[in-house]
Structure formats: structure tokens, C-alpha cells
Amino acid sequence: MYVASLGVRWRDLDAFNHVNNSSYLTYLEEARLQWLSHVPGPWFDEHAMPVMAASQVNYRRPIAWPAQLQVQLFCERMGNSSMTIAHRVIDAERPDQLYCDGHVVMVWMDPASGKPVPLPEAIRSAAT
């Protein structure tokens, strides 16, 4: 569905000198935002905004600095008001190096009521 290119920052490292587990979630968030910025047509308005309902990250190997990453996003499932976005983080120079995989569930909801709303047509089109 989308591939984001990201660089590992020095500040992403932890005391063990590899990328901290929480930074993986930041990489995934950045990739989703890049994808959404490329979705043609409206994907949110005052009555429909995406929120994260669940996330799963399988840490496969540590990421060392410096590194260039590719975050690959795939549509795993599309429901009425939600979509499951699968992800893989790999090394941009060595695509066989898988750092993590998993998925997130995004739900579109009305911020005023807190109730789910149907997925915007722009999201349905962009994810297929």
C-alpha cells in the first residue's frame, strides 16, 4: 500500500545502543502519516477522524545506528469503520533484514459522539 523511507536518529537509541522499542511505534506512526498525506481526496473531516484502536509489534531484531529503514504498509483487512494495517520495518540497504512486523487497527470515529463512522471512500480506494 505504501513504503516510507526513514533514517534512524541518534536520539532513537537506548542505553544498549540500539533503537528503543518505543521508537518503532514512532516509525510506524510516521509511515502511516506519510501514507495518509498521499491519499487523494478527503480522509477526515469534523465528523470522521482516525484513531488507533490496537497495535501489535513483533520485534524481530535490534536496529543499530546508523541505519536507513523502509516501513512497508499493507491493507490486511477492511471493515465498515475500521481497517487493519499490517507493517514491516526492514533495512533499506539489506531488505532481508526484518526488524519488526505486526499490525495496527485504525477506526474512523465521530469526535463529537465518540461513535464509529463508515470509512471514507478515499481510504477505501487508497487501500485497495
N, C-alpha and C. Protein backbone atom coordinates (compact mmCIF):
# COMPACT_ATOMS: atom_id res chain seq x y z
N MET A 1 0.82 -1.18 0.00
CA MET A 1 0.00 0.00 0.00
C MET A 1 0.87 1.25 0.00
N TYR A 2 1.97 1.23 0.79
CA TYR A 2 2.87 2.38 0.86
C TYR A 2 4.20 1.94 1.47
N VAL A 3 5.29 2.58 1.03
CA VAL A 3 6.61 2.35 1.61
C VAL A 3 7.19 3.70 2.00
N ALA A 4 7.52 3.86 3.27
CA ALA A 4 8.13 5.08 3.78
C ALA A 4 9.61 4.83 4.03
N SER A 5 10.43 5.79 3.66
CA SER A 5 11.87 5.71 3.93
C SER A 5 12.18 6.62 5.11
N LEU A 6 12.83 6.05 6.12
CA LEU A 6 13.15 6.79 7.34
C LEU A 6 14.58 6.50 7.76
N GLY A 7 15.21 7.48 8.35
CA GLY A 7 16.54 7.30 8.91
C GLY A 7 16.48 7.18 10.42
N VAL A 8 17.33 6.34 10.97
CA VAL A 8 17.43 6.21 12.42
C VAL A 8 18.17 7.42 12.96
N ARG A 9 17.62 8.03 13.98
CA ARG A 9 18.23 9.20 14.62
C ARG A 9 18.99 8.75 15.87
N TRP A 10 20.05 9.47 16.20
CA TRP A 10 20.84 9.16 17.39
C TRP A 10 19.94 9.12 18.63
N ARG A 11 18.98 10.02 18.70
CA ARG A 11 18.11 10.10 19.88
C ARG A 11 17.16 8.91 19.99
N ASP A 12 17.06 8.09 18.94
CA ASP A 12 16.20 6.90 18.98
C ASP A 12 16.83 5.76 19.78
N LEU A 13 18.12 5.88 20.09
CA LEU A 13 18.85 4.79 20.75
C LEU A 13 18.59 4.76 22.25
N ASP A 14 18.74 3.59 22.83
CA ASP A 14 18.61 3.45 24.28
C ASP A 14 19.99 3.15 24.89
N ALA A 15 20.01 2.79 26.15
CA ALA A 15 21.27 2.55 26.86
C ALA A 15 22.04 1.36 26.31
N PHE A 16 21.37 0.47 25.57
CA PHE A 16 22.04 -0.68 24.97
C PHE A 16 22.57 -0.38 23.57
N ASN A 17 22.46 0.90 23.17
CA ASN A 17 22.98 1.39 21.89
C ASN A 17 22.26 0.80 20.68
N HIS A 18 20.98 0.50 20.85
CA HIS A 18 20.13 0.15 19.70
C HIS A 18 18.81 0.89 19.86
N VAL A 19 18.01 0.87 18.81
CA VAL A 19 16.77 1.64 18.81
C VAL A 19 15.84 1.14 19.92
N ASN A 20 15.35 2.08 20.70
CA ASN A 20 14.43 1.77 21.79
C ASN A 20 13.11 1.25 21.23
N ASN A 21 12.49 0.33 21.93
CA ASN A 21 11.25 -0.27 21.45
C ASN A 21 10.17 0.77 21.15
N SER A 22 10.10 1.85 21.91
CA SER A 22 9.06 2.86 21.66
C SER A 22 9.29 3.61 20.36
N SER A 23 10.52 3.69 19.89
CA SER A 23 10.80 4.37 18.63
C SER A 23 10.21 3.62 17.44
N TYR A 24 10.09 2.30 17.55
CA TYR A 24 9.47 1.52 16.47
C TYR A 24 8.05 2.04 16.23
N LEU A 25 7.31 2.32 17.30
CA LEU A 25 5.95 2.84 17.16
C LEU A 25 5.95 4.21 16.49
N THR A 26 6.96 5.02 16.79
CA THR A 26 7.08 6.32 16.13
C THR A 26 7.34 6.15 14.64
N TYR A 27 8.19 5.22 14.26
CA TYR A 27 8.44 4.95 12.84
C TYR A 27 7.14 4.53 12.14
N LEU A 28 6.36 3.67 12.79
CA LEU A 28 5.10 3.21 12.20
C LEU A 28 4.11 4.35 12.06
N GLU A 29 4.05 5.20 13.07
CA GLU A 29 3.16 6.36 13.02
C GLU A 29 3.56 7.29 11.86
N GLU A 30 4.85 7.56 11.73
CA GLU A 30 5.33 8.42 10.66
C GLU A 30 4.99 7.83 9.29
N ALA A 31 5.14 6.53 9.13
CA ALA A 31 4.81 5.89 7.85
C ALA A 31 3.31 6.01 7.55
N ARG A 32 2.46 5.82 8.56
CA ARG A 32 1.02 5.96 8.33
C ARG A 32 0.66 7.39 7.95
N LEU A 33 1.29 8.36 8.61
CA LEU A 33 1.01 9.76 8.28
C LEU A 33 1.48 10.11 6.87
N GLN A 34 2.64 9.56 6.47
CA GLN A 34 3.09 9.78 5.10
C GLN A 34 2.08 9.19 4.11
N TRP A 35 1.62 7.96 4.40
CA TRP A 35 0.62 7.34 3.52
C TRP A 35 -0.63 8.22 3.44
N LEU A 36 -1.15 8.63 4.60
CA LEU A 36 -2.37 9.44 4.61
C LEU A 36 -2.19 10.75 3.85
N SER A 37 -0.99 11.33 3.90
CA SER A 37 -0.76 12.59 3.18
C SER A 37 -0.80 12.39 1.67
N HIS A 38 -0.66 11.15 1.21
CA HIS A 38 -0.72 10.84 -0.22
C HIS A 38 -2.09 10.32 -0.66
N VAL A 39 -3.01 10.16 0.27
CA VAL A 39 -4.35 9.68 -0.08
C VAL A 39 -5.08 10.80 -0.82
N PRO A 40 -5.48 10.54 -2.07
CA PRO A 40 -6.21 11.58 -2.79
C PRO A 40 -7.65 11.66 -2.28
N GLY A 41 -8.10 12.84 -2.04
CA GLY A 41 -9.46 13.03 -1.54
C GLY A 41 -9.49 13.13 -0.03
N PRO A 42 -10.60 13.55 0.51
CA PRO A 42 -10.69 13.76 1.97
C PRO A 42 -10.73 12.43 2.72
N TRP A 43 -9.88 12.32 3.73
CA TRP A 43 -9.88 11.11 4.56
C TRP A 43 -10.24 11.42 6.00
N PHE A 44 -10.47 12.71 6.31
CA PHE A 44 -11.01 13.08 7.61
C PHE A 44 -11.72 14.43 7.47
N ASP A 45 -12.64 14.67 8.37
CA ASP A 45 -13.31 15.96 8.49
C ASP A 45 -13.81 16.08 9.93
N GLU A 46 -14.65 17.06 10.21
CA GLU A 46 -15.10 17.27 11.59
C GLU A 46 -15.99 16.14 12.10
N HIS A 47 -16.45 15.24 11.21
CA HIS A 47 -17.32 14.14 11.62
C HIS A 47 -16.68 12.77 11.50
N ALA A 48 -15.45 12.71 11.00
CA ALA A 48 -14.79 11.41 10.80
C ALA A 48 -13.28 11.57 10.91
N MET A 49 -12.70 11.01 11.95
CA MET A 49 -11.25 11.08 12.17
C MET A 49 -10.74 9.71 12.61
N PRO A 50 -9.51 9.35 12.17
CA PRO A 50 -8.98 8.04 12.57
C PRO A 50 -8.36 8.07 13.96
N VAL A 51 -8.57 6.98 14.68
CA VAL A 51 -7.91 6.77 15.96
C VAL A 51 -7.35 5.35 15.96
N MET A 52 -6.30 5.15 16.70
CA MET A 52 -5.73 3.80 16.79
C MET A 52 -6.47 3.03 17.88
N ALA A 53 -6.96 1.86 17.51
CA ALA A 53 -7.69 1.02 18.46
C ALA A 53 -6.81 -0.09 19.02
N ALA A 54 -5.80 -0.52 18.26
CA ALA A 54 -4.93 -1.61 18.72
C ALA A 54 -3.62 -1.57 17.94
N SER A 55 -2.57 -2.07 18.56
CA SER A 55 -1.30 -2.20 17.85
C SER A 55 -0.61 -3.49 18.31
N GLN A 56 0.06 -4.11 17.36
CA GLN A 56 0.87 -5.29 17.65
C GLN A 56 2.20 -5.10 16.93
N VAL A 57 3.27 -5.21 17.69
CA VAL A 57 4.62 -5.10 17.13
C VAL A 57 5.40 -6.33 17.56
N ASN A 58 5.88 -7.07 16.59
CA ASN A 58 6.75 -8.22 16.84
C ASN A 58 8.17 -7.76 16.57
N TYR A 59 8.97 -7.64 17.61
CA TYR A 59 10.36 -7.20 17.47
C TYR A 59 11.20 -8.38 17.04
N ARG A 60 11.74 -8.32 15.83
CA ARG A 60 12.47 -9.45 15.26
C ARG A 60 13.98 -9.36 15.45
N ARG A 61 14.53 -8.14 15.43
CA ARG A 61 15.97 -7.96 15.65
C ARG A 61 16.19 -6.50 16.01
N PRO A 62 17.26 -6.21 16.75
CA PRO A 62 17.54 -4.82 17.11
C PRO A 62 18.03 -4.01 15.90
N ILE A 63 17.72 -2.72 15.94
CA ILE A 63 18.18 -1.78 14.91
C ILE A 63 19.33 -0.98 15.51
N ALA A 64 20.45 -0.98 14.83
CA ALA A 64 21.62 -0.21 15.27
C ALA A 64 21.69 1.10 14.49
N TRP A 65 22.41 2.06 15.04
CA TRP A 65 22.65 3.33 14.36
C TRP A 65 24.02 3.26 13.72
N PRO A 66 24.22 3.78 12.53
CA PRO A 66 23.22 4.41 11.65
C PRO A 66 22.50 3.35 10.83
N ALA A 67 21.30 3.67 10.42
CA ALA A 67 20.54 2.77 9.55
C ALA A 67 19.51 3.57 8.77
N GLN A 68 19.26 3.12 7.56
CA GLN A 68 18.16 3.64 6.75
C GLN A 68 17.11 2.54 6.71
N LEU A 69 15.88 2.91 6.98
CA LEU A 69 14.80 1.94 7.09
C LEU A 69 13.77 2.13 6.00
N GLN A 70 13.07 1.06 5.72
CA GLN A 70 11.85 1.12 4.93
C GLN A 70 10.73 0.56 5.79
N VAL A 71 9.66 1.34 5.89
CA VAL A 71 8.48 0.88 6.60
C VAL A 71 7.43 0.57 5.54
N GLN A 72 7.08 -0.70 5.44
CA GLN A 72 6.12 -1.16 4.43
C GLN A 72 4.76 -1.31 5.09
N LEU A 73 3.74 -0.72 4.45
CA LEU A 73 2.37 -0.81 4.95
C LEU A 73 1.51 -1.58 3.96
N PHE A 74 0.65 -2.45 4.50
CA PHE A 74 -0.25 -3.27 3.70
C PHE A 74 -1.64 -3.23 4.31
N CYS A 75 -2.66 -3.23 3.47
CA CYS A 75 -4.02 -3.35 3.99
C CYS A 75 -4.28 -4.82 4.26
N GLU A 76 -4.42 -5.17 5.53
CA GLU A 76 -4.66 -6.55 5.92
C GLU A 76 -6.15 -6.88 5.95
N ARG A 77 -6.95 -5.89 6.38
CA ARG A 77 -8.40 -6.10 6.49
C ARG A 77 -9.09 -4.75 6.46
N MET A 78 -10.24 -4.73 5.81
CA MET A 78 -11.04 -3.51 5.78
C MET A 78 -12.44 -3.84 6.26
N GLY A 79 -12.89 -3.13 7.27
CA GLY A 79 -14.24 -3.32 7.79
C GLY A 79 -15.12 -2.14 7.41
N ASN A 80 -16.22 -2.00 8.11
CA ASN A 80 -17.13 -0.89 7.85
C ASN A 80 -16.54 0.44 8.34
N SER A 81 -16.01 0.45 9.55
CA SER A 81 -15.48 1.69 10.11
C SER A 81 -14.00 1.57 10.48
N SER A 82 -13.40 0.42 10.23
CA SER A 82 -12.01 0.22 10.64
C SER A 82 -11.21 -0.45 9.52
N MET A 83 -9.91 -0.30 9.65
CA MET A 83 -9.01 -1.05 8.76
C MET A 83 -7.82 -1.51 9.58
N THR A 84 -7.34 -2.70 9.24
CA THR A 84 -6.14 -3.25 9.86
C THR A 84 -5.00 -3.03 8.88
N ILE A 85 -3.98 -2.32 9.34
CA ILE A 85 -2.82 -2.00 8.52
C ILE A 85 -1.65 -2.85 9.01
N ALA A 86 -1.22 -3.79 8.19
CA ALA A 86 -0.04 -4.60 8.51
C ALA A 86 1.21 -3.77 8.21
N HIS A 87 2.27 -4.04 8.95
CA HIS A 87 3.52 -3.30 8.73
C HIS A 87 4.72 -4.23 8.84
N ARG A 88 5.78 -3.81 8.15
CA ARG A 88 7.09 -4.46 8.22
C ARG A 88 8.13 -3.34 8.21
N VAL A 89 9.09 -3.41 9.10
CA VAL A 89 10.22 -2.48 9.09
C VAL A 89 11.45 -3.30 8.69
N ILE A 90 12.07 -2.89 7.59
CA ILE A 90 13.24 -3.59 7.07
C ILE A 90 14.38 -2.61 6.87
N ASP A 91 15.59 -3.14 6.70
CA ASP A 91 16.75 -2.33 6.39
C ASP A 91 16.68 -1.96 4.91
N ALA A 92 16.81 -0.67 4.60
CA ALA A 92 16.69 -0.20 3.22
C ALA A 92 17.80 -0.75 2.33
N GLU A 93 18.98 -0.99 2.91
CA GLU A 93 20.11 -1.48 2.12
C GLU A 93 20.19 -3.01 2.09
N ARG A 94 19.56 -3.66 3.06
CA ARG A 94 19.54 -5.12 3.14
C ARG A 94 18.10 -5.57 3.39
N PRO A 95 17.28 -5.65 2.35
CA PRO A 95 15.86 -5.93 2.52
C PRO A 95 15.54 -7.26 3.22
N ASP A 96 16.53 -8.16 3.31
CA ASP A 96 16.30 -9.42 4.01
C ASP A 96 16.39 -9.25 5.53
N GLN A 97 16.80 -8.06 5.99
CA GLN A 97 16.89 -7.78 7.43
C GLN A 97 15.54 -7.25 7.93
N LEU A 98 14.74 -8.11 8.53
CA LEU A 98 13.45 -7.72 9.08
C LEU A 98 13.63 -7.31 10.53
N TYR A 99 13.28 -6.07 10.85
CA TYR A 99 13.41 -5.58 12.22
C TYR A 99 12.13 -5.80 13.03
N CYS A 100 10.98 -5.60 12.39
CA CYS A 100 9.72 -5.87 13.09
C CYS A 100 8.61 -6.05 12.07
N ASP A 101 7.54 -6.66 12.54
CA ASP A 101 6.32 -6.77 11.75
C ASP A 101 5.15 -6.76 12.73
N GLY A 102 3.95 -6.74 12.19
CA GLY A 102 2.76 -6.70 13.02
C GLY A 102 1.66 -5.94 12.31
N HIS A 103 0.78 -5.32 13.11
CA HIS A 103 -0.31 -4.55 12.52
C HIS A 103 -0.90 -3.58 13.54
N VAL A 104 -1.64 -2.63 13.01
CA VAL A 104 -2.43 -1.72 13.84
C VAL A 104 -3.85 -1.72 13.30
N VAL A 105 -4.80 -1.43 14.18
CA VAL A 105 -6.19 -1.28 13.79
C VAL A 105 -6.55 0.19 13.95
N MET A 106 -6.98 0.80 12.84
CA MET A 106 -7.42 2.19 12.85
C MET A 106 -8.94 2.21 12.69
N VAL A 107 -9.61 3.01 13.54
CA VAL A 107 -11.06 3.15 13.48
C VAL A 107 -11.38 4.60 13.19
N TRP A 108 -12.27 4.82 12.24
CA TRP A 108 -12.74 6.18 11.98
C TRP A 108 -13.95 6.42 12.86
N MET A 109 -13.92 7.55 13.59
CA MET A 109 -14.99 7.86 14.53
C MET A 109 -15.37 9.32 14.44
N ASP A 110 -16.55 9.61 14.92
CA ASP A 110 -17.02 10.98 15.03
C ASP A 110 -16.49 11.52 16.35
N PRO A 111 -15.63 12.56 16.33
CA PRO A 111 -15.04 13.04 17.58
C PRO A 111 -16.06 13.61 18.55
N ALA A 112 -17.18 14.11 18.05
CA ALA A 112 -18.19 14.68 18.95
C ALA A 112 -18.92 13.59 19.72
N SER A 113 -19.25 12.50 19.05
CA SER A 113 -20.03 11.44 19.70
C SER A 113 -19.16 10.30 20.22
N GLY A 114 -17.96 10.15 19.65
CA GLY A 114 -17.11 9.02 20.02
C GLY A 114 -17.56 7.72 19.39
N LYS A 115 -18.51 7.77 18.47
CA LYS A 115 -19.05 6.57 17.81
C LYS A 115 -18.34 6.33 16.48
N PRO A 116 -18.18 5.05 16.10
CA PRO A 116 -17.58 4.73 14.80
C PRO A 116 -18.44 5.25 13.65
N VAL A 117 -17.76 5.62 12.57
CA VAL A 117 -18.43 6.06 11.34
C VAL A 117 -17.84 5.25 10.18
N PRO A 118 -18.55 5.18 9.06
CA PRO A 118 -18.01 4.42 7.92
C PRO A 118 -16.68 4.99 7.44
N LEU A 119 -15.82 4.09 6.95
CA LEU A 119 -14.55 4.52 6.38
C LEU A 119 -14.80 5.48 5.23
N PRO A 120 -14.01 6.55 5.14
CA PRO A 120 -14.14 7.46 3.99
C PRO A 120 -13.83 6.71 2.69
N GLU A 121 -14.50 7.08 1.63
CA GLU A 121 -14.29 6.44 0.34
C GLU A 121 -12.85 6.60 -0.12
N ALA A 122 -12.22 7.73 0.21
CA ALA A 122 -10.82 7.95 -0.17
C ALA A 122 -9.90 6.89 0.44
N ILE A 123 -10.19 6.49 1.67
CA ILE A 123 -9.39 5.45 2.34
C ILE A 123 -9.64 4.10 1.67
N ARG A 124 -10.89 3.79 1.40
CA ARG A 124 -11.20 2.51 0.74
C ARG A 124 -10.49 2.42 -0.61
N SER A 125 -10.50 3.49 -1.36
CA SER A 125 -9.86 3.49 -2.68
C SER A 125 -8.34 3.39 -2.57
N ALA A 126 -7.75 4.12 -1.62
CA ALA A 126 -6.30 4.15 -1.48
C ALA A 126 -5.74 2.85 -0.93
N ALA A 127 -6.56 2.08 -0.24
CA ALA A 127 -6.07 0.85 0.40
C ALA A 127 -6.23 -0.38 -0.47
N THR A 128 -6.85 -0.25 -1.63
CA THR A 128 -7.06 -1.42 -2.48
C THR A 128 -6.11 -1.42 -3.67
